N, C-alpha and C. Protein backbone atom coordinates (compact mmCIF):
# COMPACT_ATOMS: atom_id res chain seq x y z
N MET A 1 98.58 125.00 97.57
CA MET A 1 98.01 123.67 97.73
C MET A 1 99.08 122.78 98.34
N ASN A 2 98.72 122.11 99.39
CA ASN A 2 99.66 121.26 100.11
C ASN A 2 99.20 119.81 100.01
N LEU A 3 99.89 119.03 99.19
CA LEU A 3 99.53 117.62 99.03
C LEU A 3 100.59 116.73 99.64
N LEU A 4 100.14 115.64 100.21
CA LEU A 4 101.03 114.65 100.78
C LEU A 4 101.57 113.75 99.67
N SER A 5 102.68 113.09 99.94
CA SER A 5 103.28 112.19 98.95
C SER A 5 102.33 111.06 98.57
N ASP A 6 101.54 110.56 99.52
CA ASP A 6 100.57 109.51 99.21
C ASP A 6 99.49 110.03 98.25
N GLU A 7 99.16 111.31 98.36
CA GLU A 7 98.18 111.89 97.44
C GLU A 7 98.77 112.06 96.04
N LEU A 8 100.04 112.41 95.96
CA LEU A 8 100.69 112.47 94.65
C LEU A 8 100.71 111.09 94.02
N ALA A 9 100.99 110.06 94.84
CA ALA A 9 100.96 108.68 94.34
C ALA A 9 99.55 108.32 93.87
N GLY A 10 98.54 108.79 94.57
CA GLY A 10 97.16 108.53 94.16
C GLY A 10 96.83 109.15 92.81
N VAL A 11 97.34 110.35 92.58
CA VAL A 11 97.10 111.02 91.29
C VAL A 11 97.76 110.26 90.16
N VAL A 12 99.04 109.89 90.32
CA VAL A 12 99.70 109.17 89.23
C VAL A 12 99.08 107.78 89.04
N ASP A 13 98.67 107.16 90.14
CA ASP A 13 98.05 105.83 90.07
C ASP A 13 96.72 105.87 89.33
N LEU A 14 96.04 106.99 89.41
CA LEU A 14 94.77 107.17 88.70
C LEU A 14 94.94 106.98 87.20
N PHE A 15 96.12 107.34 86.69
CA PHE A 15 96.41 107.23 85.26
C PHE A 15 97.33 106.06 84.94
N GLY A 16 97.87 105.41 85.96
CA GLY A 16 98.84 104.34 85.76
C GLY A 16 100.26 104.86 85.68
N GLY A 17 100.42 106.14 85.52
CA GLY A 17 101.71 106.81 85.45
C GLY A 17 101.57 108.13 84.72
N LEU A 18 102.33 109.11 85.16
CA LEU A 18 102.31 110.43 84.53
C LEU A 18 103.75 110.94 84.40
N THR A 19 103.99 111.73 83.36
CA THR A 19 105.26 112.43 83.29
C THR A 19 105.24 113.53 84.35
N ARG A 20 106.41 114.09 84.64
CA ARG A 20 106.44 115.20 85.61
C ARG A 20 105.56 116.35 85.14
N GLU A 21 105.64 116.65 83.86
CA GLU A 21 104.84 117.76 83.33
C GLU A 21 103.35 117.48 83.48
N GLU A 22 102.94 116.26 83.19
CA GLU A 22 101.52 115.90 83.34
C GLU A 22 101.09 115.97 84.79
N LEU A 23 101.96 115.51 85.70
CA LEU A 23 101.62 115.57 87.12
C LEU A 23 101.50 117.02 87.57
N HIS A 24 102.41 117.88 87.12
CA HIS A 24 102.33 119.30 87.46
C HIS A 24 101.00 119.88 86.96
N ARG A 25 100.63 119.54 85.72
CA ARG A 25 99.37 120.04 85.16
C ARG A 25 98.18 119.53 85.97
N ALA A 26 98.23 118.25 86.37
CA ALA A 26 97.15 117.68 87.17
C ALA A 26 97.02 118.41 88.50
N LEU A 27 98.15 118.73 89.11
CA LEU A 27 98.12 119.43 90.40
C LEU A 27 97.64 120.86 90.24
N GLU A 28 97.96 121.48 89.13
CA GLU A 28 97.42 122.82 88.85
C GLU A 28 95.91 122.76 88.68
N GLU A 29 95.42 121.72 88.00
CA GLU A 29 93.97 121.54 87.84
C GLU A 29 93.30 121.33 89.19
N LEU A 30 93.94 120.54 90.06
CA LEU A 30 93.38 120.32 91.39
C LEU A 30 93.34 121.62 92.20
N ALA A 31 94.39 122.41 92.09
CA ALA A 31 94.42 123.70 92.79
C ALA A 31 93.28 124.58 92.31
N PHE A 32 93.08 124.62 91.00
CA PHE A 32 91.99 125.41 90.44
C PHE A 32 90.65 124.93 90.96
N LYS A 33 90.44 123.59 90.97
CA LYS A 33 89.17 123.02 91.45
C LYS A 33 88.94 123.36 92.93
N ARG A 34 90.00 123.49 93.68
CA ARG A 34 89.90 123.79 95.11
C ARG A 34 89.82 125.29 95.39
N GLY A 35 90.02 126.09 94.36
CA GLY A 35 90.03 127.53 94.54
C GLY A 35 91.35 128.05 95.06
N ASP A 36 92.39 127.24 94.95
CA ASP A 36 93.73 127.63 95.39
C ASP A 36 94.52 128.18 94.21
N GLU A 37 95.54 128.91 94.55
CA GLU A 37 96.46 129.42 93.53
C GLU A 37 97.59 128.40 93.36
N PRO A 38 97.81 127.89 92.15
CA PRO A 38 98.91 126.92 91.96
C PRO A 38 100.26 127.58 92.22
N ASP A 39 101.13 126.87 92.90
CA ASP A 39 102.48 127.33 93.18
C ASP A 39 103.43 126.32 92.56
N SER A 40 103.98 126.65 91.39
CA SER A 40 104.78 125.68 90.64
C SER A 40 106.04 125.28 91.41
N ASP A 41 106.63 126.18 92.20
CA ASP A 41 107.80 125.80 92.99
C ASP A 41 107.43 124.80 94.07
N ALA A 42 106.29 125.01 94.73
CA ALA A 42 105.84 124.09 95.77
C ALA A 42 105.50 122.72 95.17
N VAL A 43 104.89 122.74 93.98
CA VAL A 43 104.57 121.49 93.29
C VAL A 43 105.86 120.73 92.95
N ALA A 44 106.83 121.43 92.40
CA ALA A 44 108.10 120.79 92.05
C ALA A 44 108.77 120.21 93.28
N ASP A 45 108.75 120.95 94.39
CA ASP A 45 109.34 120.45 95.63
C ASP A 45 108.60 119.22 96.15
N ALA A 46 107.27 119.24 96.08
CA ALA A 46 106.48 118.09 96.55
C ALA A 46 106.77 116.85 95.71
N VAL A 47 106.90 117.02 94.41
CA VAL A 47 107.20 115.89 93.53
C VAL A 47 108.60 115.37 93.82
N ASP A 48 109.57 116.27 93.97
CA ASP A 48 110.93 115.85 94.30
C ASP A 48 110.98 115.09 95.62
N THR A 49 110.25 115.57 96.61
CA THR A 49 110.19 114.91 97.91
C THR A 49 109.58 113.52 97.79
N ALA A 50 108.52 113.39 96.99
CA ALA A 50 107.86 112.09 96.81
C ALA A 50 108.77 111.11 96.08
N VAL A 51 109.57 111.60 95.15
CA VAL A 51 110.52 110.73 94.44
C VAL A 51 111.63 110.32 95.40
N GLU A 52 112.14 111.27 96.15
CA GLU A 52 113.23 110.99 97.09
C GLU A 52 112.82 109.95 98.13
N SER A 53 111.56 109.99 98.55
CA SER A 53 111.07 109.07 99.59
C SER A 53 110.54 107.75 99.03
N TYR A 54 110.57 107.59 97.72
CA TYR A 54 110.10 106.39 97.02
C TYR A 54 108.57 106.25 97.07
N HIS A 55 107.88 107.36 97.29
CA HIS A 55 106.43 107.35 97.11
C HIS A 55 106.13 107.32 95.61
N LEU A 56 106.99 107.95 94.85
CA LEU A 56 106.93 107.93 93.40
C LEU A 56 108.23 107.36 92.87
N VAL A 57 108.12 106.55 91.81
CA VAL A 57 109.29 105.94 91.20
C VAL A 57 109.32 106.34 89.72
N PRO A 58 110.43 106.94 89.26
CA PRO A 58 110.58 107.23 87.83
C PRO A 58 110.87 105.94 87.06
N VAL A 59 110.11 105.73 85.99
CA VAL A 59 110.26 104.55 85.15
C VAL A 59 110.41 105.00 83.70
N GLU A 60 111.47 104.55 83.05
CA GLU A 60 111.68 104.87 81.64
C GLU A 60 110.78 103.99 80.80
N ARG A 61 110.02 104.63 79.90
CA ARG A 61 109.11 103.87 79.05
C ARG A 61 108.83 104.66 77.78
N ASP A 62 109.04 104.01 76.63
CA ASP A 62 108.75 104.64 75.33
C ASP A 62 109.36 106.04 75.22
N ASP A 63 110.64 106.15 75.53
CA ASP A 63 111.38 107.41 75.41
C ASP A 63 110.84 108.54 76.29
N GLU A 64 110.18 108.19 77.39
CA GLU A 64 109.77 109.20 78.34
C GLU A 64 109.86 108.61 79.75
N THR A 65 109.95 109.49 80.71
CA THR A 65 110.02 109.06 82.10
C THR A 65 108.66 109.25 82.73
N LEU A 66 108.09 108.14 83.20
CA LEU A 66 106.81 108.20 83.90
C LEU A 66 107.05 108.08 85.39
N LEU A 67 106.27 108.79 86.15
CA LEU A 67 106.26 108.63 87.60
C LEU A 67 105.10 107.70 87.94
N VAL A 68 105.41 106.65 88.71
CA VAL A 68 104.38 105.70 89.14
C VAL A 68 104.42 105.61 90.66
N ALA A 69 103.32 105.13 91.23
CA ALA A 69 103.26 104.94 92.68
C ALA A 69 104.34 103.95 93.08
N GLY A 70 105.09 104.28 94.13
CA GLY A 70 106.23 103.48 94.54
C GLY A 70 105.98 102.60 95.74
N PRO A 71 107.03 101.94 96.21
CA PRO A 71 106.90 100.91 97.24
C PRO A 71 106.50 101.42 98.62
N VAL A 72 106.74 102.67 98.94
CA VAL A 72 106.36 103.15 100.26
C VAL A 72 105.02 103.88 100.25
N ALA A 73 104.42 104.01 99.08
CA ALA A 73 103.19 104.78 98.94
C ALA A 73 101.95 103.99 99.35
N PHE A 74 101.03 104.71 99.93
CA PHE A 74 99.66 104.25 100.11
C PHE A 74 98.81 105.22 99.32
N PRO A 75 98.67 104.97 97.99
CA PRO A 75 98.01 105.94 97.12
C PRO A 75 96.62 106.34 97.64
N THR A 76 96.45 107.65 97.76
CA THR A 76 95.22 108.24 98.26
C THR A 76 94.81 109.34 97.29
N LEU A 77 93.55 109.35 96.92
CA LEU A 77 93.09 110.40 96.01
C LEU A 77 92.75 111.66 96.79
N PRO A 78 93.38 112.78 96.43
CA PRO A 78 92.99 114.04 97.06
C PRO A 78 91.61 114.48 96.56
N GLU A 79 91.04 115.41 97.28
CA GLU A 79 89.72 115.92 96.91
C GLU A 79 89.71 116.42 95.46
N HIS A 80 88.70 116.03 94.71
CA HIS A 80 88.46 116.39 93.31
C HIS A 80 89.35 115.65 92.30
N ALA A 81 90.21 114.76 92.76
CA ALA A 81 91.09 114.05 91.83
C ALA A 81 90.31 113.14 90.89
N GLU A 82 89.17 112.67 91.32
CA GLU A 82 88.38 111.78 90.46
C GLU A 82 87.94 112.47 89.16
N ASP A 83 87.99 113.80 89.14
CA ASP A 83 87.63 114.56 87.94
C ASP A 83 88.78 114.67 86.94
N LEU A 84 89.99 114.39 87.37
CA LEU A 84 91.15 114.60 86.50
C LEU A 84 91.12 113.83 85.19
N PRO A 85 90.70 112.55 85.17
CA PRO A 85 90.67 111.86 83.87
C PRO A 85 89.73 112.52 82.86
N HIS A 86 88.73 113.25 83.35
CA HIS A 86 87.80 113.94 82.44
C HIS A 86 88.34 115.28 82.00
N ILE A 87 89.24 115.85 82.78
CA ILE A 87 89.78 117.18 82.50
C ILE A 87 91.02 117.10 81.62
N MET A 88 91.89 116.13 81.94
CA MET A 88 93.18 116.05 81.25
C MET A 88 93.11 115.14 80.04
N ASP A 89 93.86 115.48 79.03
CA ASP A 89 93.92 114.67 77.82
C ASP A 89 95.11 113.72 77.93
N VAL A 90 94.99 112.76 78.85
CA VAL A 90 96.06 111.78 79.09
C VAL A 90 95.42 110.41 79.11
N ASP A 91 95.92 109.53 78.27
CA ASP A 91 95.42 108.16 78.26
C ASP A 91 95.93 107.41 79.47
N GLU A 92 95.13 106.47 79.93
CA GLU A 92 95.58 105.61 81.02
C GLU A 92 96.74 104.75 80.53
N ARG A 93 97.71 104.57 81.39
CA ARG A 93 98.90 103.78 81.04
C ARG A 93 98.98 102.57 81.96
N ALA A 94 99.62 101.55 81.46
CA ALA A 94 99.84 100.35 82.27
C ALA A 94 101.34 100.15 82.43
N VAL A 95 101.83 100.34 83.64
CA VAL A 95 103.23 100.06 83.96
C VAL A 95 103.18 98.92 84.97
N ASP A 96 103.70 97.77 84.56
CA ASP A 96 103.59 96.62 85.46
C ASP A 96 104.50 96.78 86.67
N ARG A 97 104.12 96.14 87.75
CA ARG A 97 104.83 96.24 89.03
C ARG A 97 106.28 95.78 88.89
N GLU A 98 106.51 94.76 88.08
CA GLU A 98 107.87 94.24 87.90
C GLU A 98 108.79 95.30 87.30
N THR A 99 108.32 96.02 86.32
CA THR A 99 109.11 97.08 85.69
C THR A 99 109.38 98.21 86.68
N ALA A 100 108.35 98.61 87.41
CA ALA A 100 108.51 99.67 88.41
C ALA A 100 109.45 99.22 89.52
N ALA A 101 109.34 97.95 89.93
CA ALA A 101 110.20 97.43 90.99
C ALA A 101 111.66 97.39 90.55
N ALA A 102 111.90 97.02 89.30
CA ALA A 102 113.27 97.00 88.79
C ALA A 102 113.85 98.42 88.76
N ALA A 103 113.05 99.39 88.38
CA ALA A 103 113.51 100.78 88.37
C ALA A 103 113.81 101.26 89.79
N ALA A 104 112.95 100.91 90.72
CA ALA A 104 113.17 101.29 92.12
C ALA A 104 114.43 100.62 92.66
N ARG A 105 114.62 99.35 92.34
CA ARG A 105 115.78 98.59 92.82
C ARG A 105 117.07 99.18 92.25
N ASP A 106 117.08 99.53 90.97
CA ASP A 106 118.26 100.14 90.35
C ASP A 106 118.60 101.47 91.01
N ARG A 107 117.60 102.27 91.23
CA ARG A 107 117.81 103.58 91.85
C ARG A 107 118.30 103.41 93.29
N LEU A 108 117.69 102.47 93.99
CA LEU A 108 118.09 102.19 95.37
C LEU A 108 119.54 101.72 95.44
N ASP A 109 119.93 100.91 94.48
CA ASP A 109 121.31 100.43 94.43
C ASP A 109 122.28 101.60 94.24
N ARG A 110 121.96 102.49 93.31
CA ARG A 110 122.82 103.67 93.08
C ARG A 110 122.89 104.55 94.32
N GLN A 111 121.75 104.74 94.97
CA GLN A 111 121.75 105.58 96.16
C GLN A 111 122.50 104.93 97.32
N ALA A 112 122.44 103.61 97.43
CA ALA A 112 123.17 102.92 98.49
C ALA A 112 124.67 103.16 98.35
N VAL A 113 125.17 103.15 97.13
CA VAL A 113 126.59 103.43 96.88
C VAL A 113 126.92 104.86 97.30
N GLU A 114 126.08 105.81 96.89
CA GLU A 114 126.30 107.21 97.23
C GLU A 114 126.28 107.43 98.74
N VAL A 115 125.31 106.82 99.41
CA VAL A 115 125.16 106.97 100.86
C VAL A 115 126.36 106.36 101.58
N ALA A 116 126.82 105.23 101.11
CA ALA A 116 127.99 104.59 101.72
C ALA A 116 129.23 105.47 101.57
N LYS A 117 129.43 106.03 100.38
CA LYS A 117 130.58 106.91 100.16
C LYS A 117 130.51 108.15 101.05
N ALA A 118 129.31 108.68 101.21
CA ALA A 118 129.12 109.88 102.02
C ALA A 118 129.05 109.58 103.52
N GLU A 119 128.97 108.30 103.84
CA GLU A 119 128.83 107.87 105.24
C GLU A 119 127.66 108.56 105.92
N ASP A 120 126.54 108.62 105.21
CA ASP A 120 125.32 109.28 105.69
C ASP A 120 124.44 108.23 106.38
N SER A 121 124.64 108.05 107.67
CA SER A 121 123.94 106.99 108.40
C SER A 121 122.44 107.24 108.50
N GLU A 122 122.04 108.50 108.55
CA GLU A 122 120.60 108.82 108.63
C GLU A 122 119.88 108.41 107.35
N ARG A 123 120.45 108.77 106.22
CA ARG A 123 119.85 108.40 104.93
C ARG A 123 119.93 106.89 104.73
N ALA A 124 121.02 106.27 105.19
CA ALA A 124 121.16 104.81 105.08
C ALA A 124 120.03 104.11 105.82
N ALA A 125 119.71 104.59 107.02
CA ALA A 125 118.62 103.98 107.80
C ALA A 125 117.29 104.13 107.07
N ALA A 126 117.06 105.29 106.45
CA ALA A 126 115.82 105.50 105.69
C ALA A 126 115.76 104.55 104.50
N LEU A 127 116.88 104.35 103.83
CA LEU A 127 116.91 103.46 102.67
C LEU A 127 116.76 102.00 103.06
N VAL A 128 117.19 101.62 104.26
CA VAL A 128 116.94 100.26 104.74
C VAL A 128 115.43 100.02 104.84
N ASP A 129 114.72 101.01 105.34
CA ASP A 129 113.25 100.89 105.41
C ASP A 129 112.65 100.76 104.02
N VAL A 130 113.18 101.50 103.07
CA VAL A 130 112.71 101.40 101.68
C VAL A 130 112.96 99.99 101.15
N CYS A 131 114.10 99.41 101.50
CA CYS A 131 114.40 98.03 101.08
C CYS A 131 113.31 97.08 101.52
N TYR A 132 112.93 97.17 102.80
CA TYR A 132 111.87 96.29 103.31
C TYR A 132 110.55 96.53 102.58
N ASP A 133 110.23 97.81 102.35
CA ASP A 133 108.99 98.12 101.62
C ASP A 133 109.03 97.57 100.21
N LEU A 134 110.19 97.68 99.56
CA LEU A 134 110.34 97.19 98.19
C LEU A 134 110.15 95.67 98.14
N GLU A 135 110.72 94.96 99.10
CA GLU A 135 110.56 93.50 99.14
C GLU A 135 109.11 93.10 99.33
N THR A 136 108.38 93.86 100.14
CA THR A 136 106.97 93.59 100.38
C THR A 136 106.13 93.94 99.16
N TRP A 137 106.48 95.03 98.51
CA TRP A 137 105.73 95.56 97.38
C TRP A 137 105.88 94.71 96.13
N ALA A 138 107.07 94.15 95.95
CA ALA A 138 107.37 93.35 94.75
C ALA A 138 108.38 92.27 95.12
N ALA A 139 108.47 91.28 94.33
CA ALA A 139 109.40 90.17 94.59
C ALA A 139 110.82 90.59 94.22
N VAL A 140 111.41 91.43 95.07
CA VAL A 140 112.74 91.96 94.82
C VAL A 140 113.60 91.68 96.06
N GLU A 141 114.75 91.09 95.83
CA GLU A 141 115.69 90.82 96.92
C GLU A 141 116.54 92.06 97.17
N THR A 142 116.65 92.45 98.43
CA THR A 142 117.48 93.60 98.77
C THR A 142 118.45 93.29 99.91
N ASP A 143 118.69 92.01 100.18
CA ASP A 143 119.58 91.63 101.28
C ASP A 143 120.95 92.30 101.15
N ASP A 144 121.52 92.28 99.94
CA ASP A 144 122.85 92.87 99.74
C ASP A 144 122.84 94.38 99.96
N LEU A 145 121.76 95.03 99.54
CA LEU A 145 121.64 96.48 99.75
C LEU A 145 121.52 96.80 101.24
N ARG A 146 120.68 96.05 101.92
CA ARG A 146 120.51 96.28 103.36
C ARG A 146 121.83 96.10 104.10
N GLN A 147 122.59 95.09 103.71
CA GLN A 147 123.90 94.86 104.34
C GLN A 147 124.82 96.04 104.11
N ARG A 148 124.87 96.51 102.87
CA ARG A 148 125.71 97.66 102.54
C ARG A 148 125.30 98.89 103.33
N LEU A 149 123.98 99.08 103.45
CA LEU A 149 123.47 100.26 104.17
C LEU A 149 123.66 100.11 105.68
N ASP A 150 123.52 98.90 106.18
CA ASP A 150 123.73 98.67 107.61
C ASP A 150 125.17 98.93 108.03
N ASP A 151 126.09 98.77 107.10
CA ASP A 151 127.51 98.99 107.37
C ASP A 151 127.90 100.48 107.43
N VAL A 152 126.97 101.34 107.04
CA VAL A 152 127.27 102.79 107.02
C VAL A 152 127.25 103.34 108.44
């Protein structure tokens, strides 16, 4: 099963947020509904890619890490996803945008430092785009981060 990062964001958005394990289970359910064979390595890679690209943002809440739709995502429901709330035993969660934005901003700040130390200009350019998306998505200032990344 090959899902785009926006589709992963759509799945987590359907519930308001999911743990990695819950998201993996949801994707296995989708694969089953589609008649596909679930590939746990491919699922893990897709989730990691979506987190890396800020389509998904990890948010600490009640002693667990939830993945929520992030600032670059355009959440889209993949085929059969509308059935997931009836299949999975997961309550809908509410993670406010401000909390998710703060988590994204903190992570972005840490990555900006790493990218600057590594002098990775390609990743710096990608993170500058994330900064703009984050500012549009939530009332978060990223001028200092963009400056740091532009200097790479």
